[in-house]
Amino acid sequence: MLLQLYLATSNLLTHSLDSNRLHALPKNSFGATACTNGCEESAKIERFLEGFPRRYLGVHSAAEIANHFGLCQCLSIEPVQIELMSAPHALSLTLLTATGRGCSPQSPAS
C-alpha cells in the first residue's frame, strides 16, 4: 500500500504515468551484470524485478538492487524488513513487506 501511495503521489507531482513496467529485462540491464555472480542468482533477481517500474533500474544502482533482493529473501524469516542508512546530509529508508505475489520494495528511496 505504501508503494501504491508513493507511486500515485509521484505520478501526480510529475504528471507522468507509471505504466512502463519491467517484463523482460534488456541484455544490458542489471540481470546481465548479476550473471557474473551466477546465472541462477540472476534469474532469481529477474523474477524479483518482474513488474517493477522501469525507472527503478535507473534510480537504483546494481548494489542497491542486490541489497533490496537480499532483504526480500529475508521476508520468509521476518515479514517486514527495514533498513535505515545514513549518508552525508541524508537518510535512506528501505521498507519491504510480504505481498500476495512475492515481495517488493515499498519505499526504496532516499
PDB file of N, CA and C in Angstrom:
ATOM      1  N   MET A   1       0.829  -1.182   0.000  1.00  0.00           N
ATOM      2  CA  MET A   1       0.000   0.000   0.000  1.00  0.00           C
ATOM      3  C   MET A   1       0.872   1.244   0.000  1.00  0.00           C
ATOM      4  N   LEU A   2       2.018   1.174   0.709  1.00  0.00           N
ATOM      5  CA  LEU A   2       2.915   2.323   0.706  1.00  0.00           C
ATOM      6  C   LEU A   2       3.487   2.575  -0.685  1.00  0.00           C
ATOM      7  N   LEU A   3       3.813   1.507  -1.415  1.00  0.00           N
ATOM      8  CA  LEU A   3       4.321   1.666  -2.782  1.00  0.00           C
ATOM      9  C   LEU A   3       3.259   2.322  -3.647  1.00  0.00           C
ATOM     10  N   GLN A   4       2.018   1.901  -3.517  1.00  0.00           N
ATOM     11  CA  GLN A   4       0.939   2.499  -4.294  1.00  0.00           C
ATOM     12  C   GLN A   4       0.774   3.972  -3.953  1.00  0.00           C
ATOM     13  N   LEU A   5       0.838   4.313  -2.683  1.00  0.00           N
ATOM     14  CA  LEU A   5       0.746   5.704  -2.267  1.00  0.00           C
ATOM     15  C   LEU A   5       1.905   6.509  -2.824  1.00  0.00           C
ATOM     16  N   TYR A   6       3.125   5.970  -2.713  1.00  0.00           N
ATOM     17  CA  TYR A   6       4.308   6.651  -3.231  1.00  0.00           C
ATOM     18  C   TYR A   6       4.182   6.882  -4.733  1.00  0.00           C
ATOM     19  N   LEU A   7       3.807   5.836  -5.488  1.00  0.00           N
ATOM     20  CA  LEU A   7       3.698   5.956  -6.937  1.00  0.00           C
ATOM     21  C   LEU A   7       2.600   6.925  -7.350  1.00  0.00           C
ATOM     22  N   ALA A   8       1.467   6.861  -6.679  1.00  0.00           N
ATOM     23  CA  ALA A   8       0.372   7.770  -7.008  1.00  0.00           C
ATOM     24  C   ALA A   8       0.780   9.217  -6.753  1.00  0.00           C
ATOM     25  N   THR A   9       1.458   9.467  -5.640  1.00  0.00           N
ATOM     26  CA  THR A   9       1.914  10.811  -5.318  1.00  0.00           C
ATOM     27  C   THR A   9       2.958  11.275  -6.322  1.00  0.00           C
ATOM     28  N   SER A  10       3.909  10.416  -6.627  1.00  0.00           N
ATOM     29  CA  SER A  10       4.945  10.750  -7.597  1.00  0.00           C
ATOM     30  C   SER A  10       4.344  11.044  -8.965  1.00  0.00           C
ATOM     31  N   ASN A  11       3.411  10.217  -9.397  1.00  0.00           N
ATOM     32  CA  ASN A  11       2.753  10.440 -10.687  1.00  0.00           C
ATOM     33  C   ASN A  11       1.982  11.746 -10.714  1.00  0.00           C
ATOM     34  N   LEU A  12       1.307  12.059  -9.624  1.00  0.00           N
ATOM     35  CA  LEU A  12       0.559  13.299  -9.551  1.00  0.00           C
ATOM     36  C   LEU A  12       1.498  14.493  -9.633  1.00  0.00           C
ATOM     37  N   LEU A  13       2.612  14.430  -8.899  1.00  0.00           N
ATOM     38  CA  LEU A  13       3.541  15.563  -8.875  1.00  0.00           C
ATOM     39  C   LEU A  13       4.316  15.716 -10.179  1.00  0.00           C
ATOM     40  N   THR A  14       4.605  14.632 -10.849  1.00  0.00           N
ATOM     41  CA  THR A  14       5.382  14.710 -12.092  1.00  0.00           C
ATOM     42  C   THR A  14       4.497  14.635 -13.326  1.00  0.00           C
ATOM     43  N   HIS A  15       3.210  14.447 -13.133  1.00  0.00           N
ATOM     44  CA  HIS A  15       2.257  14.334 -14.240  1.00  0.00           C
ATOM     45  C   HIS A  15       2.654  13.239 -15.214  1.00  0.00           C
ATOM     46  N   SER A  16       3.187  12.156 -14.686  1.00  0.00           N
ATOM     47  CA  SER A  16       3.565  11.031 -15.538  1.00  0.00           C
ATOM     48  C   SER A  16       2.830   9.783 -15.080  1.00  0.00           C
ATOM     49  N   LEU A  17       2.667   8.862 -15.995  1.00  0.00           N
ATOM     50  CA  LEU A  17       2.054   7.581 -15.665  1.00  0.00           C
ATOM     51  C   LEU A  17       3.141   6.555 -15.443  1.00  0.00           C
ATOM     52  N   ASP A  18       2.901   5.649 -14.547  1.00  0.00           N
ATOM     53  CA  ASP A  18       3.896   4.629 -14.228  1.00  0.00           C
ATOM     54  C   ASP A  18       3.485   3.288 -14.817  1.00  0.00           C
ATOM     55  N   SER A  19       3.096   3.300 -16.084  1.00  0.00           N
ATOM     56  CA  SER A  19       2.644   2.068 -16.717  1.00  0.00           C
ATOM     57  C   SER A  19       3.773   1.319 -17.414  1.00  0.00           C
ATOM     58  N   ASN A  20       4.949   1.900 -17.475  1.00  0.00           N
ATOM     59  CA  ASN A  20       6.089   1.271 -18.138  1.00  0.00           C
ATOM     60  C   ASN A  20       6.778   0.331 -17.150  1.00  0.00           C
ATOM     61  N   ARG A  21       6.370  -0.919 -17.130  1.00  0.00           N
ATOM     62  CA  ARG A  21       6.856  -1.895 -16.153  1.00  0.00           C
ATOM     63  C   ARG A  21       7.838  -2.867 -16.774  1.00  0.00           C
ATOM     64  N   LEU A  22       8.673  -3.471 -15.935  1.00  0.00           N
ATOM     65  CA  LEU A  22       9.632  -4.473 -16.378  1.00  0.00           C
ATOM     66  C   LEU A  22       8.927  -5.811 -16.565  1.00  0.00           C
ATOM     67  N   HIS A  23       9.071  -6.379 -17.744  1.00  0.00           N
ATOM     68  CA  HIS A  23       8.533  -7.711 -18.008  1.00  0.00           C
ATOM     69  C   HIS A  23       9.629  -8.641 -18.492  1.00  0.00           C
ATOM     70  N   ALA A  24      10.513  -8.124 -19.286  1.00  0.00           N
ATOM     71  CA  ALA A  24      11.690  -8.874 -19.740  1.00  0.00           C
ATOM     72  C   ALA A  24      12.837  -7.876 -19.724  1.00  0.00           C
ATOM     73  N   LEU A  25      13.890  -8.217 -19.007  1.00  0.00           N
ATOM     74  CA  LEU A  25      14.984  -7.273 -18.858  1.00  0.00           C
ATOM     75  C   LEU A  25      15.832  -7.189 -20.119  1.00  0.00           C
ATOM     76  N   PRO A  26      16.258  -5.976 -20.506  1.00  0.00           N
ATOM     77  CA  PRO A  26      17.174  -5.832 -21.628  1.00  0.00           C
ATOM     78  C   PRO A  26      18.510  -6.488 -21.325  1.00  0.00           C
ATOM     79  N   LYS A  27      19.261  -6.841 -22.353  1.00  0.00           N
ATOM     80  CA  LYS A  27      20.525  -7.544 -22.165  1.00  0.00           C
ATOM     81  C   LYS A  27      21.525  -6.750 -21.337  1.00  0.00           C
ATOM     82  N   ASN A  28      21.522  -5.436 -21.422  1.00  0.00           N
ATOM     83  CA  ASN A  28      22.497  -4.621 -20.690  1.00  0.00           C
ATOM     84  C   ASN A  28      21.945  -4.106 -19.370  1.00  0.00           C
ATOM     85  N   SER A  29      20.969  -4.786 -18.826  1.00  0.00           N
ATOM     86  CA  SER A  29      20.369  -4.351 -17.574  1.00  0.00           C
ATOM     87  C   SER A  29      21.056  -5.024 -16.389  1.00  0.00           C
ATOM     88  N   PHE A  30      20.466  -4.879 -15.229  1.00  0.00           N
ATOM     89  CA  PHE A  30      21.032  -5.437 -14.006  1.00  0.00           C
ATOM     90  C   PHE A  30      21.198  -6.939 -14.091  1.00  0.00           C
ATOM     91  N   GLY A  31      20.267  -7.615 -14.741  1.00  0.00           N
ATOM     92  CA  GLY A  31      20.314  -9.074 -14.832  1.00  0.00           C
ATOM     93  C   GLY A  31      21.600  -9.566 -15.472  1.00  0.00           C
ATOM     94  N   ALA A  32      22.063  -8.887 -16.512  1.00  0.00           N
ATOM     95  CA  ALA A  32      23.304  -9.282 -17.177  1.00  0.00           C
ATOM     96  C   ALA A  32      24.495  -9.073 -16.253  1.00  0.00           C
ATOM     97  N   THR A  33      24.471  -8.014 -15.466  1.00  0.00           N
ATOM     98  CA  THR A  33      25.543  -7.746 -14.519  1.00  0.00           C
ATOM     99  C   THR A  33      25.572  -8.811 -13.432  1.00  0.00           C
ATOM    100  N   ALA A  34      24.395  -9.213 -12.965  1.00  0.00           N
ATOM    101  CA  ALA A  34      24.306 -10.182 -11.876  1.00  0.00           C
ATOM    102  C   ALA A  34      24.786 -11.555 -12.310  1.00  0.00           C
ATOM    103  N   CYS A  35      24.792 -11.820 -13.599  1.00  0.00           N
ATOM    104  CA  CYS A  35      25.176 -13.145 -14.089  1.00  0.00           C
ATOM    105  C   CYS A  35      26.629 -13.464 -13.738  1.00  0.00           C
ATOM    106  N   THR A  36      27.445 -12.457 -13.456  1.00  0.00           N
ATOM    107  CA  THR A  36      28.813 -12.708 -13.032  1.00  0.00           C
ATOM    108  C   THR A  36      28.829 -13.404 -11.680  1.00  0.00           C
ATOM    109  N   ASN A  37      27.776 -13.254 -10.896  1.00  0.00           N
ATOM    110  CA  ASN A  37      27.668 -13.918  -9.591  1.00  0.00           C
ATOM    111  C   ASN A  37      26.960 -15.256  -9.705  1.00  0.00           C
ATOM    112  N   GLY A  38      26.604 -15.658 -10.898  1.00  0.00           N
ATOM    113  CA  GLY A  38      25.899 -16.917 -11.109  1.00  0.00           C
ATOM    114  C   GLY A  38      24.592 -16.672 -11.800  1.00  0.00           C
ATOM    115  N   CYS A  39      24.364 -17.378 -12.891  1.00  0.00           N
ATOM    116  CA  CYS A  39      23.150 -17.157 -13.686  1.00  0.00           C
ATOM    117  C   CYS A  39      21.892 -17.576 -12.944  1.00  0.00           C
ATOM    118  N   GLU A  40      22.015 -18.534 -12.025  1.00  0.00           N
ATOM    119  CA  GLU A  40      20.846 -18.927 -11.234  1.00  0.00           C
ATOM    120  C   GLU A  40      20.393 -17.760 -10.367  1.00  0.00           C
ATOM    121  N   GLU A  41      21.341 -17.081  -9.745  1.00  0.00           N
ATOM    122  CA  GLU A  41      21.029 -15.907  -8.928  1.00  0.00           C
ATOM    123  C   GLU A  41      20.444 -14.807  -9.809  1.00  0.00           C
ATOM    124  N   SER A  42      20.983 -14.652 -11.009  1.00  0.00           N
ATOM    125  CA  SER A  42      20.490 -13.656 -11.946  1.00  0.00           C
ATOM    126  C   SER A  42      19.024 -13.905 -12.285  1.00  0.00           C
ATOM    127  N   ALA A  43      18.673 -15.153 -12.500  1.00  0.00           N
ATOM    128  CA  ALA A  43      17.283 -15.494 -12.817  1.00  0.00           C
ATOM    129  C   ALA A  43      16.366 -15.155 -11.641  1.00  0.00           C
ATOM    130  N   LYS A  44      16.835 -15.391 -10.423  1.00  0.00           N
ATOM    131  CA  LYS A  44      16.035 -15.047  -9.241  1.00  0.00           C
ATOM    132  C   LYS A  44      15.831 -13.547  -9.147  1.00  0.00           C
ATOM    133  N   ILE A  45      16.881 -12.776  -9.427  1.00  0.00           N
ATOM    134  CA  ILE A  45      16.776 -11.317  -9.371  1.00  0.00           C
ATOM    135  C   ILE A  45      15.843 -10.815 -10.460  1.00  0.00           C
ATOM    136  N   GLU A  46      15.899 -11.407 -11.642  1.00  0.00           N
ATOM    137  CA  GLU A  46      14.999 -11.011 -12.721  1.00  0.00           C
ATOM    138  C   GLU A  46      13.545 -11.284 -12.336  1.00  0.00           C
ATOM    139  N   ARG A  47      13.288 -12.406 -11.679  1.00  0.00           N
ATOM    140  CA  ARG A  47      11.923 -12.689 -11.198  1.00  0.00           C
ATOM    141  C   ARG A  47      11.519 -11.670 -10.130  1.00  0.00           C
ATOM    142  N   PHE A  48      12.472 -11.295  -9.276  1.00  0.00           N
ATOM    143  CA  PHE A  48      12.224 -10.280  -8.245  1.00  0.00           C
ATOM    144  C   PHE A  48      11.815  -8.951  -8.890  1.00  0.00           C
ATOM    145  N   LEU A  49      12.461  -8.597 -10.001  1.00  0.00           N
ATOM    146  CA  LEU A  49      12.214  -7.314 -10.658  1.00  0.00           C
ATOM    147  C   LEU A  49      10.968  -7.310 -11.542  1.00  0.00           C
ATOM    148  N   GLU A  50      10.403  -8.472 -11.794  1.00  0.00           N
ATOM    149  CA  GLU A  50       9.228  -8.568 -12.662  1.00  0.00           C
ATOM    150  C   GLU A  50       8.107  -7.660 -12.158  1.00  0.00           C
ATOM    151  N   GLY A  51       7.628  -6.768 -13.025  1.00  0.00           N
ATOM    152  CA  GLY A  51       6.530  -5.875 -12.685  1.00  0.00           C
ATOM    153  C   GLY A  51       6.955  -4.550 -12.065  1.00  0.00           C
ATOM    154  N   PHE A  52       8.248  -4.387 -11.749  1.00  0.00           N
ATOM    155  CA  PHE A  52       8.716  -3.121 -11.190  1.00  0.00           C
ATOM    156  C   PHE A  52       8.645  -2.028 -12.260  1.00  0.00           C
ATOM    157  N   PRO A  53       8.503  -0.777 -11.852  1.00  0.00           N
ATOM    158  CA  PRO A  53       8.597   0.315 -12.825  1.00  0.00           C
ATOM    159  C   PRO A  53       9.990   0.313 -13.459  1.00  0.00           C
ATOM    160  N   ARG A  54      10.068   0.574 -14.757  1.00  0.00           N
ATOM    161  CA  ARG A  54      11.343   0.595 -15.465  1.00  0.00           C
ATOM    162  C   ARG A  54      12.324   1.596 -14.842  1.00  0.00           C
ATOM    163  N   ARG A  55      11.804   2.679 -14.297  1.00  0.00           N
ATOM    164  CA  ARG A  55      12.695   3.698 -13.729  1.00  0.00           C
ATOM    165  C   ARG A  55      13.443   3.190 -12.488  1.00  0.00           C
ATOM    166  N   TYR A  56      12.955   2.095 -11.880  1.00  0.00           N
ATOM    167  CA  TYR A  56      13.632   1.513 -10.725  1.00  0.00           C
ATOM    168  C   TYR A  56      15.079   1.186 -11.068  1.00  0.00           C
ATOM    169  N   LEU A  57      15.327   0.666 -12.278  1.00  0.00           N
ATOM    170  CA  LEU A  57      16.688   0.331 -12.699  1.00  0.00           C
ATOM    171  C   LEU A  57      17.544   1.575 -12.887  1.00  0.00           C
ATOM    172  N   GLY A  58      16.932   2.694 -13.250  1.00  0.00           N
ATOM    173  CA  GLY A  58      17.680   3.927 -13.444  1.00  0.00           C
ATOM    174  C   GLY A  58      17.957   4.675 -12.154  1.00  0.00           C
ATOM    175  N   VAL A  59      17.101   4.493 -11.183  1.00  0.00           N
ATOM    176  CA  VAL A  59      17.222   5.224  -9.921  1.00  0.00           C
ATOM    177  C   VAL A  59      18.139   4.513  -8.933  1.00  0.00           C
ATOM    178  N   HIS A  60      18.200   3.182  -9.012  1.00  0.00           N
ATOM    179  CA  HIS A  60      18.977   2.397  -8.055  1.00  0.00           C
ATOM    180  C   HIS A  60      20.153   1.716  -8.730  1.00  0.00           C
ATOM    181  N   SER A  61      21.277   1.692  -8.029  1.00  0.00           N
ATOM    182  CA  SER A  61      22.472   1.017  -8.544  1.00  0.00           C
ATOM    183  C   SER A  61      22.290  -0.497  -8.443  1.00  0.00           C
ATOM    184  N   ALA A  62      23.170  -1.224  -9.121  1.00  0.00           N
ATOM    185  CA  ALA A  62      23.132  -2.684  -9.048  1.00  0.00           C
ATOM    186  C   ALA A  62      23.310  -3.149  -7.606  1.00  0.00           C
ATOM    187  N   ALA A  63      24.165  -2.473  -6.848  1.00  0.00           N
ATOM    188  CA  ALA A  63      24.391  -2.834  -5.443  1.00  0.00           C
ATOM    189  C   ALA A  63      23.119  -2.619  -4.615  1.00  0.00           C
ATOM    190  N   GLU A  64      22.407  -1.521  -4.865  1.00  0.00           N
ATOM    191  CA  GLU A  64      21.166  -1.256  -4.132  1.00  0.00           C
ATOM    192  C   GLU A  64      20.100  -2.296  -4.483  1.00  0.00           C
ATOM    193  N   ILE A  65      20.004  -2.638  -5.764  1.00  0.00           N
ATOM    194  CA  ILE A  65      19.022  -3.636  -6.190  1.00  0.00           C
ATOM    195  C   ILE A  65      19.349  -4.990  -5.563  1.00  0.00           C
ATOM    196  N   ALA A  66      20.635  -5.342  -5.546  1.00  0.00           N
ATOM    197  CA  ALA A  66      21.044  -6.597  -4.904  1.00  0.00           C
ATOM    198  C   ALA A  66      20.712  -6.562  -3.415  1.00  0.00           C
ATOM    199  N   ASN A  67      20.877  -5.424  -2.775  1.00  0.00           N
ATOM    200  CA  ASN A  67      20.546  -5.284  -1.357  1.00  0.00           C
ATOM    201  C   ASN A  67      19.039  -5.444  -1.142  1.00  0.00           C
ATOM    202  N   HIS A  68      18.219  -4.823  -2.007  1.00  0.00           N
ATOM    203  CA  HIS A  68      16.765  -4.972  -1.902  1.00  0.00           C
ATOM    204  C   HIS A  68      16.374  -6.433  -2.084  1.00  0.00           C
ATOM    205  N   PHE A  69      17.029  -7.117  -3.047  1.00  0.00           N
ATOM    206  CA  PHE A  69      16.771  -8.530  -3.285  1.00  0.00           C
ATOM    207  C   PHE A  69      17.123  -9.348  -2.037  1.00  0.00           C
ATOM    208  N   GLY A  70      18.252  -9.026  -1.417  1.00  0.00           N
ATOM    209  CA  GLY A  70      18.664  -9.724  -0.193  1.00  0.00           C
ATOM    210  C   GLY A  70      17.659  -9.532   0.933  1.00  0.00           C
ATOM    211  N   LEU A  71      17.159  -8.308   1.079  1.00  0.00           N
ATOM    212  CA  LEU A  71      16.130  -8.048   2.083  1.00  0.00           C
ATOM    213  C   LEU A  71      14.872  -8.854   1.778  1.00  0.00           C
ATOM    214  N   CYS A  72      14.542  -8.946   0.502  1.00  0.00           N
ATOM    215  CA  CYS A  72      13.366  -9.719   0.083  1.00  0.00           C
ATOM    216  C   CYS A  72      13.513 -11.178   0.486  1.00  0.00           C
ATOM    217  N   GLN A  73      14.713 -11.721   0.341  1.00  0.00           N
ATOM    218  CA  GLN A  73      14.958 -13.113   0.693  1.00  0.00           C
ATOM    219  C   GLN A  73      14.753 -13.354   2.186  1.00  0.00           C
ATOM    220  N   CYS A  74      14.917 -12.332   3.002  1.00  0.00           N
ATOM    221  CA  CYS A  74      14.755 -12.459   4.457  1.00  0.00           C
ATOM    222  C   CYS A  74      13.299 -12.370   4.899  1.00  0.00           C
ATOM    223  N   LEU A  75      12.392 -12.061   3.977  1.00  0.00           N
ATOM    224  CA  LEU A  75      10.987 -11.926   4.350  1.00  0.00           C
ATOM    225  C   LEU A  75      10.375 -13.231   4.839  1.00  0.00           C
ATOM    226  N   SER A  76      10.949 -14.361   4.465  1.00  0.00           N
ATOM    227  CA  SER A  76      10.421 -15.633   4.958  1.00  0.00           C
ATOM    228  C   SER A  76      10.724 -15.810   6.450  1.00  0.00           C
ATOM    229  N   ILE A  77      11.743 -15.108   6.936  1.00  0.00           N
ATOM    230  CA  ILE A  77      12.110 -15.167   8.353  1.00  0.00           C
ATOM    231  C   ILE A  77      11.331 -14.123   9.148  1.00  0.00           C
ATOM    232  N   GLU A  78      11.317 -12.887   8.638  1.00  0.00           N
ATOM    233  CA  GLU A  78      10.589 -11.777   9.263  1.00  0.00           C
ATOM    234  C   GLU A  78       9.702 -11.140   8.193  1.00  0.00           C
ATOM    235  N   PRO A  79       8.403 -10.962   8.431  1.00  0.00           N
ATOM    236  CA  PRO A  79       7.502 -10.465   7.396  1.00  0.00           C
ATOM    237  C   PRO A  79       7.700  -8.996   7.030  1.00  0.00           C
ATOM    238  N   VAL A  80       8.502  -8.273   7.803  1.00  0.00           N
ATOM    239  CA  VAL A  80       8.812  -6.877   7.498  1.00  0.00           C
ATOM    240  C   VAL A  80      10.317  -6.697   7.602  1.00  0.00           C
ATOM    241  N   GLN A  81      10.903  -6.102   6.579  1.00  0.00           N
ATOM    242  CA  GLN A  81      12.332  -5.812   6.573  1.00  0.00           C
ATOM    243  C   GLN A  81      12.504  -4.296   6.485  1.00  0.00           C
ATOM    244  N   ILE A  82      13.282  -3.739   7.404  1.00  0.00           N
ATOM    245  CA  ILE A  82      13.534  -2.301   7.435  1.00  0.00           C
ATOM    246  C   ILE A  82      15.036  -2.083   7.462  1.00  0.00           C
ATOM    247  N   GLU A  83      15.487  -1.158   6.635  1.00  0.00           N
ATOM    248  CA  GLU A  83      16.904  -0.792   6.627  1.00  0.00           C
ATOM    249  C   GLU A  83      16.993   0.728   6.619  1.00  0.00           C
ATOM    250  N   LEU A  84      17.723   1.276   7.560  1.00  0.00           N
ATOM    251  CA  LEU A  84      17.938   2.715   7.646  1.00  0.00           C
ATOM    252  C   LEU A  84      19.429   2.965   7.493  1.00  0.00           C
ATOM    253  N   MET A  85      19.787   3.744   6.477  1.00  0.00           N
ATOM    254  CA  MET A  85      21.194   4.022   6.215  1.00  0.00           C
ATOM    255  C   MET A  85      21.419   5.523   6.267  1.00  0.00           C
ATOM    256  N   SER A  86      22.550   5.891   6.828  1.00  0.00           N
ATOM    257  CA  SER A  86      22.916   7.295   6.940  1.00  0.00           C
ATOM    258  C   SER A  86      23.977   7.637   5.909  1.00  0.00           C
ATOM    259  N   ALA A  87      23.793   8.769   5.263  1.00  0.00           N
ATOM    260  CA  ALA A  87      24.771   9.303   4.320  1.00  0.00           C
ATOM    261  C   ALA A  87      24.935  10.782   4.669  1.00  0.00           C
ATOM    262  N   PRO A  88      26.002  11.393   4.190  1.00  0.00           N
ATOM    263  CA  PRO A  88      26.128  12.824   4.475  1.00  0.00           C
ATOM    264  C   PRO A  88      24.904  13.590   3.968  1.00  0.00           C
ATOM    265  N   HIS A  89      24.254  14.292   4.827  1.00  0.00           N
ATOM    266  CA  HIS A  89      23.111  15.160   4.516  1.00  0.00           C
ATOM    267  C   HIS A  89      21.837  14.400   4.149  1.00  0.00           C
ATOM    268  N   ALA A  90      21.775  13.101   4.402  1.00  0.00           N
ATOM    269  CA  ALA A  90      20.560  12.364   4.035  1.00  0.00           C
ATOM    270  C   ALA A  90      20.444  11.059   4.815  1.00  0.00           C
ATOM    271  N   LEU A  91      19.227  10.584   4.918  1.00  0.00           N
ATOM    272  CA  LEU A  91      18.938   9.253   5.440  1.00  0.00           C
ATOM    273  C   LEU A  91      18.186   8.499   4.359  1.00  0.00           C
ATOM    274  N   SER A  92      18.428   7.205   4.270  1.00  0.00           N
ATOM    275  CA  SER A  92      17.731   6.368   3.299  1.00  0.00           C
ATOM    276  C   SER A  92      17.000   5.279   4.072  1.00  0.00           C
ATOM    277  N   LEU A  93      15.701   5.177   3.841  1.00  0.00           N
ATOM    278  CA  LEU A  93      14.880   4.162   4.490  1.00  0.00           C
ATOM    279  C   LEU A  93      14.351   3.214   3.428  1.00  0.00           C
ATOM    280  N   THR A  94      14.582   1.935   3.626  1.00  0.00           N
ATOM    281  CA  THR A  94      14.022   0.910   2.754  1.00  0.00           C
ATOM    282  C   THR A  94      13.120   0.030   3.605  1.00  0.00           C
ATOM    283  N   LEU A  95      11.899  -0.144   3.160  1.00  0.00           N
ATOM    284  CA  LEU A  95      10.910  -0.942   3.873  1.00  0.00           C
ATOM    285  C   LEU A  95      10.355  -1.965   2.902  1.00  0.00           C
ATOM    286  N   LEU A  96      10.460  -3.244   3.243  1.00  0.00           N
ATOM    287  CA  LEU A  96       9.906  -4.320   2.427  1.00  0.00           C
ATOM    288  C   LEU A  96       8.911  -5.094   3.267  1.00  0.00           C
ATOM    289  N   THR A  97       7.810  -5.454   2.637  1.00  0.00           N
ATOM    290  CA  THR A  97       6.809  -6.285   3.288  1.00  0.00           C
ATOM    291  C   THR A  97       6.408  -7.390   2.327  1.00  0.00           C
ATOM    292  N   ALA A  98       5.920  -8.469   2.860  1.00  0.00           N
ATOM    293  CA  ALA A  98       5.444  -9.569   2.029  1.00  0.00           C
ATOM    294  C   ALA A  98       4.124  -9.168   1.400  1.00  0.00           C
ATOM    295  N   THR A  99       3.941  -9.534   0.131  1.00  0.00           N
ATOM    296  CA  THR A  99       2.682  -9.295  -0.571  1.00  0.00           C
ATOM    297  C   THR A  99       2.202 -10.624  -1.114  1.00  0.00           C
ATOM    298  N   GLY A 100       1.042 -10.624  -1.712  1.00  0.00           N
ATOM    299  CA  GLY A 100       0.491 -11.844  -2.275  1.00  0.00           C
ATOM    300  C   GLY A 100       1.307 -12.407  -3.423  1.00  0.00           C
ATOM    301  N   ARG A 101       2.070 -11.570  -4.143  1.00  0.00           N
ATOM    302  CA  ARG A 101       2.797 -12.033  -5.314  1.00  0.00           C
ATOM    303  C   ARG A 101       4.278 -12.224  -5.031  1.00  0.00           C
ATOM    304  N   GLY A 102       4.687 -12.168  -3.818  1.00  0.00           N
ATOM    305  CA  GLY A 102       6.121 -12.277  -3.508  1.00  0.00           C
ATOM    306  C   GLY A 102       6.502 -11.102  -2.642  1.00  0.00           C
ATOM    307  N   CYS A 103       7.530 -10.393  -3.048  1.00  0.00           N
ATOM    308  CA  CYS A 103       7.909  -9.223  -2.280  1.00  0.00           C
ATOM    309  C   CYS A 103       8.264  -8.090  -3.220  1.00  0.00           C
ATOM    310  N   SER A 104       8.140  -6.892  -2.710  1.00  0.00           N
ATOM    311  CA  SER A 104       8.519  -5.733  -3.494  1.00  0.00           C
ATOM    312  C   SER A 104       8.906  -4.613  -2.545  1.00  0.00           C
ATOM    313  N   PRO A 105       9.919  -3.813  -2.908  1.00  0.00           N
ATOM    314  CA  PRO A 105      10.286  -2.696  -2.047  1.00  0.00           C
ATOM    315  C   PRO A 105       9.110  -1.737  -1.943  1.00  0.00           C
ATOM    316  N   GLN A 106       8.775  -1.355  -0.751  1.00  0.00           N
ATOM    317  CA  GLN A 106       7.667  -0.447  -0.561  1.00  0.00           C
ATOM    318  C   GLN A 106       8.096   1.006  -0.667  1.00  0.00           C
ATOM    319  N   SER A 107       9.316   1.315  -0.320  1.00  0.00           N
ATOM    320  CA  SER A 107       9.773   2.690  -0.399  1.00  0.00           C
ATOM    321  C   SER A 107      11.295   2.730  -0.508  1.00  0.00           C
ATOM    322  N   PRO A 108      11.868   2.225  -1.589  1.00  0.00           N
ATOM    323  CA  PRO A 108      13.323   2.290  -1.729  1.00  0.00           C
ATOM    324  C   PRO A 108      13.732   3.647  -2.275  1.00  0.00           C
ATOM    325  N   ALA A 109      13.700   4.648  -1.440  1.00  0.00           N
ATOM    326  CA  ALA A 109      14.023   5.999  -1.886  1.00  0.00           C
ATOM    327  C   ALA A 109      14.863   6.697  -0.836  1.00  0.00           C
ATOM    328  N   SER A 110      15.582   7.693  -1.258  1.00  0.00           N
ATOM    329  CA  SER A 110      16.393   8.488  -0.327  1.00  0.00           C
ATOM    330  C   SER A 110      15.640   9.723   0.083  1.00  0.00           C
TER     331      SER A 110
END
